[in-house]
Amino acid sequence: MTIRRRQVGLAGEKAARAYLEENGYQIIEANYQCPLGEIDIVARENKTIVIVEVRTRTSLSFGGPEESITAEKSHRLQRLALYYLKSVYKHEMPCRIDLVAVMLHKENHSIINLKHIRGILAG
C-alpha cells in the first residue's frame, strides 16, 4: 500500500469515527486486528455492537466508495464480526455491519461527502 493511499484511508477512518461519535456511537476499538483480518471500527449503539467498514475515495474513477464492497468482502466482514463477538464477548450479542463511505478532496483530504449505510449485509 502506498503512503498516499494509507493517508487517504486514515483520513477516511478519522472522519468516520468523528461522525459516529457525533451521532451517539461509542467507539470501542479502531483497527481491530485478528487472524482473519482487520475491522476498521467497532462501535456500540445502545446495546448493539456495530462493525463498521470504512471505504474512502478521492475520485470516482473506480466507482464510489459504497460500490467497493464485493461479495468476497461481504463474506470476510461477516467472518470478522463473528470472530470478534466470540473472542471478545464469548456470547451472542446484537450486532450489525455498517458502511461509512467517505469522499475526500484529492489534495487536502477534506470531506466532500460522508454517507452512513446501516446494516449493509442481510442476515
PDB file of N, CA and C in Angstrom:
ATOM      1  N   MET A   1       0.854  -1.178   0.000  1.00  0.00           N
ATOM      2  CA  MET A   1       0.000   0.000   0.000  1.00  0.00           C
ATOM      3  C   MET A   1       0.898   1.239   0.000  1.00  0.00           C
ATOM      4  N   THR A   2       0.584   2.172  -0.873  1.00  0.00           N
ATOM      5  CA  THR A   2       1.393   3.385  -0.942  1.00  0.00           C
ATOM      6  C   THR A   2       1.122   4.285   0.258  1.00  0.00           C
ATOM      7  N   ILE A   3       2.061   5.177   0.509  1.00  0.00           N
ATOM      8  CA  ILE A   3       1.900   6.116   1.628  1.00  0.00           C
ATOM      9  C   ILE A   3       0.666   6.987   1.398  1.00  0.00           C
ATOM     10  N   ARG A   4       0.479   7.453   0.176  1.00  0.00           N
ATOM     11  CA  ARG A   4      -0.679   8.306  -0.131  1.00  0.00           C
ATOM     12  C   ARG A   4      -1.991   7.562   0.112  1.00  0.00           C
ATOM     13  N   ARG A   5      -2.047   6.319  -0.327  1.00  0.00           N
ATOM     14  CA  ARG A   5      -3.267   5.532  -0.135  1.00  0.00           C
ATOM     15  C   ARG A   5      -3.538   5.313   1.353  1.00  0.00           C
ATOM     16  N   ARG A   6      -2.479   5.062   2.108  1.00  0.00           N
ATOM     17  CA  ARG A   6      -2.639   4.869   3.558  1.00  0.00           C
ATOM     18  C   ARG A   6      -3.130   6.162   4.218  1.00  0.00           C
ATOM     19  N   GLN A   7      -2.591   7.310   3.777  1.00  0.00           N
ATOM     20  CA  GLN A   7      -3.021   8.592   4.322  1.00  0.00           C
ATOM     21  C   GLN A   7      -4.505   8.848   4.029  1.00  0.00           C
ATOM     22  N   VAL A   8      -4.938   8.508   2.834  1.00  0.00           N
ATOM     23  CA  VAL A   8      -6.347   8.662   2.466  1.00  0.00           C
ATOM     24  C   VAL A   8      -7.205   7.772   3.366  1.00  0.00           C
ATOM     25  N   GLY A   9      -6.785   6.515   3.539  1.00  0.00           N
ATOM     26  CA  GLY A   9      -7.527   5.595   4.393  1.00  0.00           C
ATOM     27  C   GLY A   9      -7.625   6.085   5.830  1.00  0.00           C
ATOM     28  N   LEU A  10      -6.515   6.577   6.363  1.00  0.00           N
ATOM     29  CA  LEU A  10      -6.519   7.100   7.740  1.00  0.00           C
ATOM     30  C   LEU A  10      -7.419   8.320   7.875  1.00  0.00           C
ATOM     31  N   ALA A  11      -7.394   9.203   6.872  1.00  0.00           N
ATOM     32  CA  ALA A  11      -8.258  10.385   6.903  1.00  0.00           C
ATOM     33  C   ALA A  11      -9.731   9.977   6.861  1.00  0.00           C
ATOM     34  N   GLY A  12     -10.052   8.982   6.057  1.00  0.00           N
ATOM     35  CA  GLY A  12     -11.427   8.488   5.986  1.00  0.00           C
ATOM     36  C   GLY A  12     -11.876   7.867   7.298  1.00  0.00           C
ATOM     37  N   GLU A  13     -10.997   7.078   7.920  1.00  0.00           N
ATOM     38  CA  GLU A  13     -11.344   6.452   9.200  1.00  0.00           C
ATOM     39  C   GLU A  13     -11.509   7.498  10.300  1.00  0.00           C
ATOM     40  N   LYS A  14     -10.673   8.516  10.287  1.00  0.00           N
ATOM     41  CA  LYS A  14     -10.798   9.599  11.271  1.00  0.00           C
ATOM     42  C   LYS A  14     -12.140  10.313  11.101  1.00  0.00           C
ATOM     43  N   ALA A  15     -12.509  10.591   9.855  1.00  0.00           N
ATOM     44  CA  ALA A  15     -13.794  11.245   9.575  1.00  0.00           C
ATOM     45  C   ALA A  15     -14.957  10.363  10.020  1.00  0.00           C
ATOM     46  N   ALA A  16     -14.859   9.067   9.769  1.00  0.00           N
ATOM     47  CA  ALA A  16     -15.920   8.128  10.151  1.00  0.00           C
ATOM     48  C   ALA A  16     -16.065   8.066  11.677  1.00  0.00           C
ATOM     49  N   ARG A  17     -14.946   7.986  12.393  1.00  0.00           N
ATOM     50  CA  ARG A  17     -15.010   7.955  13.863  1.00  0.00           C
ATOM     51  C   ARG A  17     -15.668   9.213  14.403  1.00  0.00           C
ATOM     52  N   ALA A  18     -15.259  10.365  13.885  1.00  0.00           N
ATOM     53  CA  ALA A  18     -15.841  11.637  14.345  1.00  0.00           C
ATOM     54  C   ALA A  18     -17.344  11.671  14.073  1.00  0.00           C
ATOM     55  N   TYR A  19     -17.743  11.246  12.879  1.00  0.00           N
ATOM     56  CA  TYR A  19     -19.163  11.219  12.527  1.00  0.00           C
ATOM     57  C   TYR A  19     -19.940  10.308  13.482  1.00  0.00           C
ATOM     58  N   LEU A  20     -19.416   9.111  13.701  1.00  0.00           N
ATOM     59  CA  LEU A  20     -20.118   8.162  14.568  1.00  0.00           C
ATOM     60  C   LEU A  20     -20.248   8.703  15.989  1.00  0.00           C
ATOM     61  N   GLU A  21     -19.180   9.261  16.524  1.00  0.00           N
ATOM     62  CA  GLU A  21     -19.234   9.820  17.879  1.00  0.00           C
ATOM     63  C   GLU A  21     -20.227  10.969  17.964  1.00  0.00           C
ATOM     64  N   GLU A  22     -20.244  11.830  16.943  1.00  0.00           N
ATOM     65  CA  GLU A  22     -21.195  12.951  16.907  1.00  0.00           C
ATOM     66  C   GLU A  22     -22.641  12.459  16.860  1.00  0.00           C
ATOM     67  N   ASN A  23     -22.834  11.238  16.385  1.00  0.00           N
ATOM     68  CA  ASN A  23     -24.180  10.683  16.260  1.00  0.00           C
ATOM     69  C   ASN A  23     -24.491   9.648  17.341  1.00  0.00           C
ATOM     70  N   GLY A  24     -23.782   9.713  18.443  1.00  0.00           N
ATOM     71  CA  GLY A  24     -24.127   8.926  19.624  1.00  0.00           C
ATOM     72  C   GLY A  24     -23.529   7.538  19.720  1.00  0.00           C
ATOM     73  N   TYR A  25     -22.646   7.172  18.815  1.00  0.00           N
ATOM     74  CA  TYR A  25     -21.996   5.866  18.894  1.00  0.00           C
ATOM     75  C   TYR A  25     -20.810   5.945  19.850  1.00  0.00           C
ATOM     76  N   GLN A  26     -20.607   4.876  20.583  1.00  0.00           N
ATOM     77  CA  GLN A  26     -19.419   4.766  21.437  1.00  0.00           C
ATOM     78  C   GLN A  26     -18.394   3.941  20.666  1.00  0.00           C
ATOM     79  N   ILE A  27     -17.232   4.504  20.412  1.00  0.00           N
ATOM     80  CA  ILE A  27     -16.176   3.772  19.715  1.00  0.00           C
ATOM     81  C   ILE A  27     -15.507   2.840  20.728  1.00  0.00           C
ATOM     82  N   ILE A  28     -15.529   1.554  20.432  1.00  0.00           N
ATOM     83  CA  ILE A  28     -14.920   0.557  21.311  1.00  0.00           C
ATOM     84  C   ILE A  28     -13.486   0.284  20.877  1.00  0.00           C
ATOM     85  N   GLU A  29     -13.294   0.106  19.587  1.00  0.00           N
ATOM     86  CA  GLU A  29     -11.965  -0.172  19.051  1.00  0.00           C
ATOM     87  C   GLU A  29     -11.852   0.379  17.644  1.00  0.00           C
ATOM     88  N   ALA A  30     -10.637   0.708  17.276  1.00  0.00           N
ATOM     89  CA  ALA A  30     -10.333   1.087  15.897  1.00  0.00           C
ATOM     90  C   ALA A  30      -9.212   0.190  15.411  1.00  0.00           C
ATOM     91  N   ASN A  31      -9.315  -0.250  14.186  1.00  0.00           N
ATOM     92  CA  ASN A  31      -8.306  -1.111  13.569  1.00  0.00           C
ATOM     93  C   ASN A  31      -8.048  -2.382  14.383  1.00  0.00           C
ATOM     94  N   TYR A  32      -9.137  -3.047  14.746  1.00  0.00           N
ATOM     95  CA  TYR A  32      -9.051  -4.321  15.476  1.00  0.00           C
ATOM     96  C   TYR A  32      -8.435  -5.376  14.559  1.00  0.00           C
ATOM     97  N   GLN A  33      -7.338  -5.957  14.999  1.00  0.00           N
ATOM     98  CA  GLN A  33      -6.621  -6.958  14.206  1.00  0.00           C
ATOM     99  C   GLN A  33      -6.828  -8.343  14.793  1.00  0.00           C
ATOM    100  N   CYS A  34      -7.033  -9.307  13.917  1.00  0.00           N
ATOM    101  CA  CYS A  34      -7.156 -10.704  14.325  1.00  0.00           C
ATOM    102  C   CYS A  34      -6.613 -11.568  13.186  1.00  0.00           C
ATOM    103  N   PRO A  35      -6.531 -12.874  13.379  1.00  0.00           N
ATOM    104  CA  PRO A  35      -6.003 -13.735  12.315  1.00  0.00           C
ATOM    105  C   PRO A  35      -6.793 -13.671  10.996  1.00  0.00           C
ATOM    106  N   LEU A  36      -8.058 -13.234  11.048  1.00  0.00           N
ATOM    107  CA  LEU A  36      -8.880 -13.181   9.837  1.00  0.00           C
ATOM    108  C   LEU A  36      -8.759 -11.866   9.082  1.00  0.00           C
ATOM    109  N   GLY A  37      -8.153 -10.867   9.701  1.00  0.00           N
ATOM    110  CA  GLY A  37      -8.025  -9.568   9.053  1.00  0.00           C
ATOM    111  C   GLY A  37      -8.229  -8.432  10.034  1.00  0.00           C
ATOM    112  N   GLU A  38      -8.756  -7.330   9.544  1.00  0.00           N
ATOM    113  CA  GLU A  38      -8.916  -6.134  10.359  1.00  0.00           C
ATOM    114  C   GLU A  38     -10.333  -5.580  10.248  1.00  0.00           C
ATOM    115  N   ILE A  39     -10.848  -5.131  11.387  1.00  0.00           N
ATOM    116  CA  ILE A  39     -12.116  -4.406  11.434  1.00  0.00           C
ATOM    117  C   ILE A  39     -11.751  -2.940  11.607  1.00  0.00           C
ATOM    118  N   ASP A  40     -12.253  -2.088  10.731  1.00  0.00           N
ATOM    119  CA  ASP A  40     -11.904  -0.670  10.783  1.00  0.00           C
ATOM    120  C   ASP A  40     -12.343  -0.037  12.105  1.00  0.00           C
ATOM    121  N   ILE A  41     -13.620  -0.198  12.441  1.00  0.00           N
ATOM    122  CA  ILE A  41     -14.147   0.394  13.668  1.00  0.00           C
ATOM    123  C   ILE A  41     -15.146  -0.575  14.289  1.00  0.00           C
ATOM    124  N   VAL A  42     -15.030  -0.746  15.604  1.00  0.00           N
ATOM    125  CA  VAL A  42     -16.046  -1.461  16.371  1.00  0.00           C
ATOM    126  C   VAL A  42     -16.678  -0.413  17.281  1.00  0.00           C
ATOM    127  N   ALA A  43     -17.989  -0.278  17.185  1.00  0.00           N
ATOM    128  CA  ALA A  43     -18.699   0.731  17.964  1.00  0.00           C
ATOM    129  C   ALA A  43     -19.894   0.088  18.652  1.00  0.00           C
ATOM    130  N   ARG A  44     -20.502   0.845  19.526  1.00  0.00           N
ATOM    131  CA  ARG A  44     -21.719   0.405  20.203  1.00  0.00           C
ATOM    132  C   ARG A  44     -22.771   1.488  19.997  1.00  0.00           C
ATOM    133  N   GLU A  45     -23.948   1.043  19.575  1.00  0.00           N
ATOM    134  CA  GLU A  45     -25.107   1.923  19.512  1.00  0.00           C
ATOM    135  C   GLU A  45     -26.153   1.293  20.422  1.00  0.00           C
ATOM    136  N   ASN A  46     -26.379   1.926  21.557  1.00  0.00           N
ATOM    137  CA  ASN A  46     -27.237   1.359  22.594  1.00  0.00           C
ATOM    138  C   ASN A  46     -26.692  -0.015  22.974  1.00  0.00           C
ATOM    139  N   LYS A  47     -27.454  -1.096  22.767  1.00  0.00           N
ATOM    140  CA  LYS A  47     -26.979  -2.435  23.136  1.00  0.00           C
ATOM    141  C   LYS A  47     -26.448  -3.220  21.938  1.00  0.00           C
ATOM    142  N   THR A  48     -26.335  -2.571  20.799  1.00  0.00           N
ATOM    143  CA  THR A  48     -25.899  -3.249  19.579  1.00  0.00           C
ATOM    144  C   THR A  48     -24.433  -2.973  19.292  1.00  0.00           C
ATOM    145  N   ILE A  49     -23.689  -4.036  19.036  1.00  0.00           N
ATOM    146  CA  ILE A  49     -22.317  -3.893  18.566  1.00  0.00           C
ATOM    147  C   ILE A  49     -22.379  -3.626  17.069  1.00  0.00           C
ATOM    148  N   VAL A  50     -21.658  -2.616  16.623  1.00  0.00           N
ATOM    149  CA  VAL A  50     -21.684  -2.237  15.213  1.00  0.00           C
ATOM    150  C   VAL A  50     -20.270  -2.379  14.649  1.00  0.00           C
ATOM    151  N   ILE A  51     -20.147  -3.282  13.688  1.00  0.00           N
ATOM    152  CA  ILE A  51     -18.897  -3.458  12.964  1.00  0.00           C
ATOM    153  C   ILE A  51     -18.963  -2.493  11.786  1.00  0.00           C
ATOM    154  N   VAL A  52     -18.008  -1.570  11.711  1.00  0.00           N
ATOM    155  CA  VAL A  52     -18.067  -0.525  10.698  1.00  0.00           C
ATOM    156  C   VAL A  52     -16.919  -0.691   9.703  1.00  0.00           C
ATOM    157  N   GLU A  53     -17.292  -0.847   8.457  1.00  0.00           N
ATOM    158  CA  GLU A  53     -16.323  -0.870   7.363  1.00  0.00           C
ATOM    159  C   GLU A  53     -16.277   0.547   6.796  1.00  0.00           C
ATOM    160  N   VAL A  54     -15.085   1.102   6.694  1.00  0.00           N
ATOM    161  CA  VAL A  54     -14.910   2.444   6.150  1.00  0.00           C
ATOM    162  C   VAL A  54     -14.279   2.315   4.771  1.00  0.00           C
ATOM    163  N   ARG A  55     -14.924   2.905   3.784  1.00  0.00           N
ATOM    164  CA  ARG A  55     -14.398   2.902   2.415  1.00  0.00           C
ATOM    165  C   ARG A  55     -14.222   4.361   2.010  1.00  0.00           C
ATOM    166  N   THR A  56     -13.032   4.697   1.573  1.00  0.00           N
ATOM    167  CA  THR A  56     -12.690   6.084   1.276  1.00  0.00           C
ATOM    168  C   THR A  56     -12.181   6.211  -0.153  1.00  0.00           C
ATOM    169  N   ARG A  57     -12.596   7.274  -0.814  1.00  0.00           N
ATOM    170  CA  ARG A  57     -12.156   7.557  -2.177  1.00  0.00           C
ATOM    171  C   ARG A  57     -11.846   9.051  -2.306  1.00  0.00           C
ATOM    172  N   THR A  58     -10.961   9.371  -3.250  1.00  0.00           N
ATOM    173  CA  THR A  58     -10.702  10.769  -3.604  1.00  0.00           C
ATOM    174  C   THR A  58     -11.125  11.028  -5.044  1.00  0.00           C
ATOM    175  N   SER A  59     -11.654   9.997  -5.690  1.00  0.00           N
ATOM    176  CA  SER A  59     -12.073  10.098  -7.082  1.00  0.00           C
ATOM    177  C   SER A  59     -13.143   9.040  -7.339  1.00  0.00           C
ATOM    178  N   LEU A  60     -13.976   9.283  -8.330  1.00  0.00           N
ATOM    179  CA  LEU A  60     -14.985   8.299  -8.710  1.00  0.00           C
ATOM    180  C   LEU A  60     -14.527   7.451  -9.897  1.00  0.00           C
ATOM    181  N   SER A  61     -13.245   7.521 -10.228  1.00  0.00           N
ATOM    182  CA  SER A  61     -12.699   6.779 -11.376  1.00  0.00           C
ATOM    183  C   SER A  61     -12.994   5.293 -11.299  1.00  0.00           C
ATOM    184  N   PHE A  62     -12.973   4.744 -10.100  1.00  0.00           N
ATOM    185  CA  PHE A  62     -13.229   3.310  -9.915  1.00  0.00           C
ATOM    186  C   PHE A  62     -14.558   3.081  -9.208  1.00  0.00           C
ATOM    187  N   GLY A  63     -15.450   4.053  -9.277  1.00  0.00           N
ATOM    188  CA  GLY A  63     -16.741   3.950  -8.618  1.00  0.00           C
ATOM    189  C   GLY A  63     -16.704   4.597  -7.246  1.00  0.00           C
ATOM    190  N   GLY A  64     -17.877   4.777  -6.681  1.00  0.00           N
ATOM    191  CA  GLY A  64     -17.974   5.370  -5.353  1.00  0.00           C
ATOM    192  C   GLY A  64     -17.513   4.402  -4.280  1.00  0.00           C
ATOM    193  N   PRO A  65     -17.223   4.912  -3.098  1.00  0.00           N
ATOM    194  CA  PRO A  65     -16.735   4.040  -2.027  1.00  0.00           C
ATOM    195  C   PRO A  65     -17.721   2.931  -1.656  1.00  0.00           C
ATOM    196  N   GLU A  66     -19.010   3.227  -1.717  1.00  0.00           N
ATOM    197  CA  GLU A  66     -20.003   2.206  -1.350  1.00  0.00           C
ATOM    198  C   GLU A  66     -20.093   1.088  -2.385  1.00  0.00           C
ATOM    199  N   GLU A  67     -19.595   1.339  -3.582  1.00  0.00           N
ATOM    200  CA  GLU A  67     -19.621   0.323  -4.633  1.00  0.00           C
ATOM    201  C   GLU A  67     -18.467  -0.678  -4.509  1.00  0.00           C
ATOM    202  N   SER A  68     -17.557  -0.440  -3.583  1.00  0.00           N
ATOM    203  CA  SER A  68     -16.356  -1.274  -3.487  1.00  0.00           C
ATOM    204  C   SER A  68     -16.533  -2.499  -2.586  1.00  0.00           C
ATOM    205  N   ILE A  69     -17.722  -2.713  -2.074  1.00  0.00           N
ATOM    206  CA  ILE A  69     -17.974  -3.890  -1.240  1.00  0.00           C
ATOM    207  C   ILE A  69     -18.356  -5.055  -2.154  1.00  0.00           C
ATOM    208  N   THR A  70     -17.417  -5.957  -2.346  1.00  0.00           N
ATOM    209  CA  THR A  70     -17.638  -7.133  -3.194  1.00  0.00           C
ATOM    210  C   THR A  70     -18.257  -8.260  -2.374  1.00  0.00           C
ATOM    211  N   ALA A  71     -18.672  -9.308  -3.040  1.00  0.00           N
ATOM    212  CA  ALA A  71     -19.202 -10.486  -2.334  1.00  0.00           C
ATOM    213  C   ALA A  71     -18.137 -11.061  -1.413  1.00  0.00           C
ATOM    214  N   GLU A  72     -16.907 -11.111  -1.882  1.00  0.00           N
ATOM    215  CA  GLU A  72     -15.806 -11.630  -1.058  1.00  0.00           C
ATOM    216  C   GLU A  72     -15.611 -10.770   0.188  1.00  0.00           C
ATOM    217  N   LYS A  73     -15.651  -9.456   0.022  1.00  0.00           N
ATOM    218  CA  LYS A  73     -15.507  -8.547   1.158  1.00  0.00           C
ATOM    219  C   LYS A  73     -16.673  -8.721   2.127  1.00  0.00           C
ATOM    220  N   SER A  74     -17.875  -8.919   1.623  1.00  0.00           N
ATOM    221  CA  SER A  74     -19.046  -9.142   2.476  1.00  0.00           C
ATOM    222  C   SER A  74     -18.875 -10.382   3.334  1.00  0.00           C
ATOM    223  N   HIS A  75     -18.410 -11.458   2.729  1.00  0.00           N
ATOM    224  CA  HIS A  75     -18.188 -12.703   3.481  1.00  0.00           C
ATOM    225  C   HIS A  75     -17.105 -12.503   4.539  1.00  0.00           C
ATOM    226  N   ARG A  76     -16.051 -11.780   4.188  1.00  0.00           N
ATOM    227  CA  ARG A  76     -14.972 -11.543   5.137  1.00  0.00           C
ATOM    228  C   ARG A  76     -15.468 -10.704   6.311  1.00  0.00           C
ATOM    229  N   LEU A  77     -16.295  -9.698   6.036  1.00  0.00           N
ATOM    230  CA  LEU A  77     -16.853  -8.881   7.111  1.00  0.00           C
ATOM    231  C   LEU A  77     -17.713  -9.716   8.054  1.00  0.00           C
ATOM    232  N   GLN A  78     -18.509 -10.627   7.507  1.00  0.00           N
ATOM    233  CA  GLN A  78     -19.337 -11.492   8.349  1.00  0.00           C
ATOM    234  C   GLN A  78     -18.466 -12.382   9.237  1.00  0.00           C
ATOM    235  N   ARG A  79     -17.407 -12.949   8.655  1.00  0.00           N
ATOM    236  CA  ARG A  79     -16.493 -13.804   9.440  1.00  0.00           C
ATOM    237  C   ARG A  79     -15.782 -12.991  10.515  1.00  0.00           C
ATOM    238  N   LEU A  80     -15.353 -11.780  10.177  1.00  0.00           N
ATOM    239  CA  LEU A  80     -14.684 -10.919  11.151  1.00  0.00           C
ATOM    240  C   LEU A  80     -15.619 -10.561  12.307  1.00  0.00           C
ATOM    241  N   ALA A  81     -16.867 -10.240  11.988  1.00  0.00           N
ATOM    242  CA  ALA A  81     -17.836  -9.884  13.032  1.00  0.00           C
ATOM    243  C   ALA A  81     -18.057 -11.058  13.977  1.00  0.00           C
ATOM    244  N   LEU A  82     -18.244 -12.245  13.428  1.00  0.00           N
ATOM    245  CA  LEU A  82     -18.447 -13.433  14.252  1.00  0.00           C
ATOM    246  C   LEU A  82     -17.222 -13.714  15.118  1.00  0.00           C
ATOM    247  N   TYR A  83     -16.043 -13.622  14.534  1.00  0.00           N
ATOM    248  CA  TYR A  83     -14.802 -13.842  15.282  1.00  0.00           C
ATOM    249  C   TYR A  83     -14.698 -12.842  16.439  1.00  0.00           C
ATOM    250  N   TYR A  84     -14.960 -11.580  16.146  1.00  0.00           N
ATOM    251  CA  TYR A  84     -14.881 -10.546  17.176  1.00  0.00           C
ATOM    252  C   TYR A  84     -15.834 -10.837  18.328  1.00  0.00           C
ATOM    253  N   LEU A  85     -17.084 -11.111  17.993  1.00  0.00           N
ATOM    254  CA  LEU A  85     -18.081 -11.365  19.046  1.00  0.00           C
ATOM    255  C   LEU A  85     -17.700 -12.563  19.898  1.00  0.00           C
ATOM    256  N   LYS A  86     -17.260 -13.649  19.254  1.00  0.00           N
ATOM    257  CA  LYS A  86     -16.901 -14.852  20.006  1.00  0.00           C
ATOM    258  C   LYS A  86     -15.651 -14.651  20.853  1.00  0.00           C
ATOM    259  N   SER A  87     -14.673 -13.936  20.338  1.00  0.00           N
ATOM    260  CA  SER A  87     -13.419 -13.791  21.076  1.00  0.00           C
ATOM    261  C   SER A  87     -13.496 -12.730  22.166  1.00  0.00           C
ATOM    262  N   VAL A  88     -14.280 -11.686  21.967  1.00  0.00           N
ATOM    263  CA  VAL A  88     -14.336 -10.604  22.941  1.00  0.00           C
ATOM    264  C   VAL A  88     -15.476 -10.787  23.942  1.00  0.00           C
ATOM    265  N   TYR A  89     -16.660 -11.159  23.461  1.00  0.00           N
ATOM    266  CA  TYR A  89     -17.828 -11.223  24.336  1.00  0.00           C
ATOM    267  C   TYR A  89     -18.183 -12.626  24.791  1.00  0.00           C
ATOM    268  N   LYS A  90     -17.745 -13.624  24.094  1.00  0.00           N
ATOM    269  CA  LYS A  90     -17.951 -15.035  24.454  1.00  0.00           C
ATOM    270  C   LYS A  90     -19.415 -15.469  24.465  1.00  0.00           C
ATOM    271  N   HIS A  91     -20.315 -14.608  24.036  1.00  0.00           N
ATOM    272  CA  HIS A  91     -21.739 -14.966  23.957  1.00  0.00           C
ATOM    273  C   HIS A  91     -22.383 -14.121  22.868  1.00  0.00           C
ATOM    274  N   GLU A  92     -23.593 -14.473  22.522  1.00  0.00           N
ATOM    275  CA  GLU A  92     -24.297 -13.744  21.469  1.00  0.00           C
ATOM    276  C   GLU A  92     -24.624 -12.329  21.925  1.00  0.00           C
ATOM    277  N   MET A  93     -24.493 -11.428  20.989  1.00  0.00           N
ATOM    278  CA  MET A  93     -24.815 -10.020  21.215  1.00  0.00           C
ATOM    279  C   MET A  93     -25.531  -9.512  19.971  1.00  0.00           C
ATOM    280  N   PRO A  94     -26.433  -8.547  20.126  1.00  0.00           N
ATOM    281  CA  PRO A  94     -26.991  -7.929  18.929  1.00  0.00           C
ATOM    282  C   PRO A  94     -25.855  -7.249  18.162  1.00  0.00           C
ATOM    283  N   CYS A  95     -25.803  -7.494  16.870  1.00  0.00           N
ATOM    284  CA  CYS A  95     -24.707  -6.976  16.064  1.00  0.00           C
ATOM    285  C   CYS A  95     -25.203  -6.665  14.660  1.00  0.00           C
ATOM    286  N   ARG A  96     -24.599  -5.655  14.050  1.00  0.00           N
ATOM    287  CA  ARG A  96     -24.859  -5.392  12.644  1.00  0.00           C
ATOM    288  C   ARG A  96     -23.576  -4.855  12.022  1.00  0.00           C
ATOM    289  N   ILE A  97     -23.564  -4.871  10.706  1.00  0.00           N
ATOM    290  CA  ILE A  97     -22.413  -4.376   9.963  1.00  0.00           C
ATOM    291  C   ILE A  97     -22.855  -3.165   9.161  1.00  0.00           C
ATOM    292  N   ASP A  98     -22.166  -2.050   9.385  1.00  0.00           N
ATOM    293  CA  ASP A  98     -22.472  -0.801   8.701  1.00  0.00           C
ATOM    294  C   ASP A  98     -21.316  -0.422   7.780  1.00  0.00           C
ATOM    295  N   LEU A  99     -21.616   0.459   6.865  1.00  0.00           N
ATOM    296  CA  LEU A  99     -20.607   1.022   5.978  1.00  0.00           C
ATOM    297  C   LEU A  99     -20.614   2.535   6.135  1.00  0.00           C
ATOM    298  N   VAL A 100     -19.435   3.116   6.266  1.00  0.00           N
ATOM    299  CA  VAL A 100     -19.299   4.562   6.172  1.00  0.00           C
ATOM    300  C   VAL A 100     -18.467   4.818   4.924  1.00  0.00           C
ATOM    301  N   ALA A 101     -19.111   5.441   3.934  1.00  0.00           N
ATOM    302  CA  ALA A 101     -18.481   5.746   2.650  1.00  0.00           C
ATOM    303  C   ALA A 101     -18.067   7.210   2.666  1.00  0.00           C
ATOM    304  N   VAL A 102     -16.779   7.459   2.453  1.00  0.00           N
ATOM    305  CA  VAL A 102     -16.233   8.809   2.570  1.00  0.00           C
ATOM    306  C   VAL A 102     -15.593   9.233   1.249  1.00  0.00           C
ATOM    307  N   MET A 103     -15.988  10.393   0.770  1.00  0.00           N
ATOM    308  CA  MET A 103     -15.324  11.023  -0.379  1.00  0.00           C
ATOM    309  C   MET A 103     -14.516  12.192   0.160  1.00  0.00           C
ATOM    310  N   LEU A 104     -13.224  12.186  -0.171  1.00  0.00           N
ATOM    311  CA  LEU A 104     -12.332  13.246   0.282  1.00  0.00           C
ATOM    312  C   LEU A 104     -11.816  14.055  -0.898  1.00  0.00           C
ATOM    313  N   HIS A 105     -11.479  15.309  -0.626  1.00  0.00           N
ATOM    314  CA  HIS A 105     -10.824  16.154  -1.624  1.00  0.00           C
ATOM    315  C   HIS A 105      -9.453  15.556  -1.911  1.00  0.00           C
ATOM    316  N   LYS A 106      -9.113  15.469  -3.171  1.00  0.00           N
ATOM    317  CA  LYS A 106      -7.883  14.797  -3.590  1.00  0.00           C
ATOM    318  C   LYS A 106      -6.621  15.435  -3.008  1.00  0.00           C
ATOM    319  N   GLU A 107      -6.615  16.753  -2.876  1.00  0.00           N
ATOM    320  CA  GLU A 107      -5.395  17.448  -2.439  1.00  0.00           C
ATOM    321  C   GLU A 107      -5.272  17.567  -0.921  1.00  0.00           C
ATOM    322  N   ASN A 108      -6.318  18.060  -0.262  1.00  0.00           N
ATOM    323  CA  ASN A 108      -6.184  18.341   1.170  1.00  0.00           C
ATOM    324  C   ASN A 108      -6.927  17.361   2.073  1.00  0.00           C
ATOM    325  N   HIS A 109      -7.562  16.371   1.484  1.00  0.00           N
ATOM    326  CA  HIS A 109      -8.279  15.316   2.209  1.00  0.00           C
ATOM    327  C   HIS A 109      -9.420  15.839   3.077  1.00  0.00           C
ATOM    328  N   SER A 110      -9.967  17.009   2.727  1.00  0.00           N
ATOM    329  CA  SER A 110     -11.155  17.475   3.433  1.00  0.00           C
ATOM    330  C   SER A 110     -12.349  16.649   2.961  1.00  0.00           C
ATOM    331  N   ILE A 111     -13.364  16.565   3.782  1.00  0.00           N
ATOM    332  CA  ILE A 111     -14.531  15.740   3.484  1.00  0.00           C
ATOM    333  C   ILE A 111     -15.413  16.428   2.447  1.00  0.00           C
ATOM    334  N   ILE A 112     -15.671  15.720   1.357  1.00  0.00           N
ATOM    335  CA  ILE A 112     -16.615  16.190   0.342  1.00  0.00           C
ATOM    336  C   ILE A 112     -17.992  15.622   0.651  1.00  0.00           C
ATOM    337  N   ASN A 113     -18.030  14.330   0.991  1.00  0.00           N
ATOM    338  CA  ASN A 113     -19.292  13.654   1.282  1.00  0.00           C
ATOM    339  C   ASN A 113     -19.021  12.481   2.213  1.00  0.00           C
ATOM    340  N   LEU A 114     -19.942  12.249   3.131  1.00  0.00           N
ATOM    341  CA  LEU A 114     -19.860  11.103   4.024  1.00  0.00           C
ATOM    342  C   LEU A 114     -21.251  10.491   4.106  1.00  0.00           C
ATOM    343  N   LYS A 115     -21.324   9.201   3.820  1.00  0.00           N
ATOM    344  CA  LYS A 115     -22.613   8.506   3.831  1.00  0.00           C
ATOM    345  C   LYS A 115     -22.515   7.307   4.775  1.00  0.00           C
ATOM    346  N   HIS A 116     -23.457   7.203   5.703  1.00  0.00           N
ATOM    347  CA  HIS A 116     -23.515   6.086   6.646  1.00  0.00           C
ATOM    348  C   HIS A 116     -24.659   5.172   6.225  1.00  0.00           C
ATOM    349  N   ILE A 117     -24.311   3.942   5.899  1.00  0.00           N
ATOM    350  CA  ILE A 117     -25.315   2.956   5.486  1.00  0.00           C
ATOM    351  C   ILE A 117     -25.375   1.881   6.563  1.00  0.00           C
ATOM    352  N   ARG A 118     -26.499   1.825   7.242  1.00  0.00           N
ATOM    353  CA  ARG A 118     -26.685   0.856   8.335  1.00  0.00           C
ATOM    354  C   ARG A 118     -27.105  -0.495   7.790  1.00  0.00           C
ATOM    355  N   GLY A 119     -26.564  -1.562   8.412  1.00  0.00           N
ATOM    356  CA  GLY A 119     -26.996  -2.918   8.078  1.00  0.00           C
ATOM    357  C   GLY A 119     -26.757  -3.284   6.629  1.00  0.00           C
ATOM    358  N   ILE A 120     -25.522  -3.203   6.168  1.00  0.00           N
ATOM    359  CA  ILE A 120     -25.247  -3.463   4.743  1.00  0.00           C
ATOM    360  C   ILE A 120     -25.373  -4.913   4.348  1.00  0.00           C
ATOM    361  N   LEU A 121     -25.343  -5.825   5.315  1.00  0.00           N
ATOM    362  CA  LEU A 121     -25.444  -7.244   4.988  1.00  0.00           C
ATOM    363  C   LEU A 121     -26.691  -7.835   5.626  1.00  0.00           C
ATOM    364  N   ALA A 122     -27.454  -8.549   4.852  1.00  0.00           N
ATOM    365  CA  ALA A 122     -28.658  -9.202   5.364  1.00  0.00           C
ATOM    366  C   ALA A 122     -28.272 -10.427   6.166  1.00  0.00           C
ATOM    367  N   GLY A 123     -29.105 -10.757   7.125  1.00  0.00           N
ATOM    368  CA  GLY A 123     -28.884 -11.975   7.901  1.00  0.00           C
ATOM    369  C   GLY A 123     -28.058 -11.700   9.032  1.00  0.00           C
TER     370      GLY A 123
END
